[in-house]
Amino acid sequence: MFSLSSGHDFQYYASPCDMRKGFDSLCGIVRHELRGEPCSGQVFIFINKPRNTTKLLHWEAGGLVIYHKRLEKGTFALPKLKAGQTQISWADLVLMIEGITIEKIVQKPRFHLKKT
């Protein structure tokens, strides 16, 4: 069951990823390149070089899950990130998956609780 929501923390891997990679190889990228922990509950996003396939690695109760999507037409628009930034929002992920590109973004300020 697809169980991702805005309550998750999304980490984007900016380098193109070989989509032949499975659980263990993606976990290696998370640990060694993103400096994360695959079992943390965060969602790790990987996209291939042609930008037509994505994998999301996520820990759910009982084990790791990979969500895999291949586009038959078109490409994923990559999120705009600052240098060194890996975190993206739920909204950015949904727009990327649905193929929606926003030319001009003006987001109104909102209150956010700081995670401790």
Protein backbone atom coordinates (compact mmCIF):
# COMPACT_ATOMS: atom_id res chain seq x y z
CA MET A 1 0.00 0.00 0.00
CA PHE A 2 1.29 3.44 -0.92
CA SER A 3 1.68 5.13 2.45
CA LEU A 4 3.61 8.35 1.86
CA SER A 5 2.28 11.71 3.00
CA SER A 6 3.28 15.25 3.86
CA GLY A 7 4.31 13.99 7.30
CA HIS A 8 7.42 12.32 5.88
CA ASP A 9 10.87 13.80 5.38
CA PHE A 10 11.96 13.56 1.72
CA GLN A 11 15.63 13.41 0.74
CA TYR A 12 16.56 13.82 -2.93
CA TYR A 13 19.71 12.26 -4.37
CA ALA A 14 20.88 14.81 -6.97
CA SER A 15 23.19 12.56 -9.02
CA PRO A 16 21.73 10.31 -11.73
CA CYS A 17 21.13 6.82 -10.38
CA ASP A 18 21.35 3.45 -12.13
CA MET A 19 17.82 2.06 -11.89
CA ARG A 20 19.13 -1.52 -11.82
CA LYS A 21 20.02 -0.86 -8.18
CA GLY A 22 17.94 -2.65 -5.59
CA PHE A 23 17.48 -2.40 -1.85
CA ASP A 24 21.07 -2.99 -0.78
CA SER A 25 22.70 -0.72 -3.37
CA LEU A 26 20.27 2.13 -2.69
CA CYS A 27 20.84 1.73 1.05
CA GLY A 28 24.58 2.06 0.35
CA ILE A 29 24.00 5.37 -1.44
CA VAL A 30 21.85 6.59 1.45
CA ARG A 31 24.49 5.71 4.05
CA HIS A 32 27.65 6.76 2.21
CA GLU A 33 26.60 9.65 -0.02
CA LEU A 34 23.52 11.14 1.65
CA ARG A 35 24.83 10.37 5.16
CA GLY A 36 21.41 9.07 6.11
CA GLU A 37 19.95 5.92 7.63
CA PRO A 38 17.61 3.89 5.38
CA CYS A 39 15.55 2.68 8.37
CA SER A 40 14.98 6.22 9.72
CA GLY A 41 11.53 6.61 8.17
CA GLN A 42 12.77 9.21 5.69
CA VAL A 43 11.94 8.77 2.01
CA PHE A 44 14.93 8.77 -0.35
CA ILE A 45 14.32 9.79 -3.97
CA PHE A 46 16.45 8.61 -6.90
CA ILE A 47 16.13 9.49 -10.61
CA ASN A 48 18.00 8.05 -13.59
CA LYS A 49 20.06 10.04 -16.11
CA PRO A 50 17.35 10.21 -18.84
CA ARG A 51 14.95 11.38 -16.06
CA ASN A 52 12.20 8.98 -17.07
CA THR A 53 12.43 6.61 -14.10
CA THR A 54 12.36 7.23 -10.37
CA LYS A 55 12.65 5.07 -7.27
CA LEU A 56 11.65 6.03 -3.75
CA LEU A 57 13.21 4.05 -0.90
CA HIS A 58 11.24 4.09 2.34
CA TRP A 59 11.16 2.14 5.59
CA GLU A 60 7.71 0.98 6.65
CA ALA A 61 6.78 -1.21 9.58
CA GLY A 62 8.42 -4.54 8.94
CA GLY A 63 10.79 -3.62 6.13
CA LEU A 64 12.01 -1.47 3.29
CA VAL A 65 9.79 -0.57 0.34
CA ILE A 66 10.80 0.66 -3.11
CA TYR A 67 8.26 2.63 -5.12
CA HIS A 68 9.32 2.55 -8.79
CA LYS A 69 7.81 4.61 -11.61
CA ARG A 70 8.84 4.61 -15.26
CA LEU A 71 7.35 7.20 -17.59
CA GLU A 72 6.31 5.96 -21.03
CA LYS A 73 6.48 9.54 -22.35
CA GLY A 74 8.15 12.67 -21.02
CA THR A 75 10.60 13.27 -18.20
CA PHE A 76 10.56 14.19 -14.54
CA ALA A 77 11.28 17.85 -13.82
CA LEU A 78 14.05 17.95 -11.25
CA PRO A 79 13.43 19.93 -8.07
CA LYS A 80 15.26 23.23 -7.76
CA LEU A 81 17.66 22.90 -4.84
CA LYS A 82 20.33 25.13 -3.36
CA ALA A 83 23.91 23.84 -3.30
CA GLY A 84 24.23 21.01 -0.79
CA GLN A 85 20.48 20.81 -0.18
CA THR A 86 18.87 17.36 -0.34
CA GLN A 87 15.53 17.86 1.38
CA ILE A 88 12.44 18.53 -0.71
CA SER A 89 8.83 19.01 0.30
CA TRP A 90 5.86 16.72 -0.22
CA ALA A 91 4.43 19.30 -2.64
CA ASP A 92 7.66 19.28 -4.71
CA LEU A 93 7.56 15.48 -4.87
CA VAL A 94 3.92 15.38 -5.97
CA LEU A 95 4.53 18.02 -8.66
CA MET A 96 7.56 16.09 -9.92
CA ILE A 97 5.70 12.74 -10.03
CA GLU A 98 2.64 14.28 -11.71
CA GLY A 99 4.73 16.14 -14.31
CA ILE A 100 3.65 19.61 -13.28
CA THR A 101 6.14 22.43 -13.79
CA ILE A 102 5.47 25.76 -12.17
CA GLU A 103 7.13 28.67 -13.93
CA LYS A 104 6.68 31.26 -11.21
CA ILE A 105 6.33 30.31 -7.56
CA VAL A 106 5.33 32.62 -4.78
CA GLN A 107 4.71 30.76 -1.56
CA LYS A 108 3.08 32.64 1.26
CA PRO A 109 4.78 32.30 4.65
CA ARG A 110 3.42 29.56 6.90
CA PHE A 111 4.14 28.57 10.47
CA HIS A 112 6.22 25.38 10.87
CA LEU A 113 7.08 23.60 14.10
CA LYS A 114 10.81 23.06 14.48
CA LYS A 115 11.82 19.41 14.82
CA THR A 116 13.99 18.69 17.84
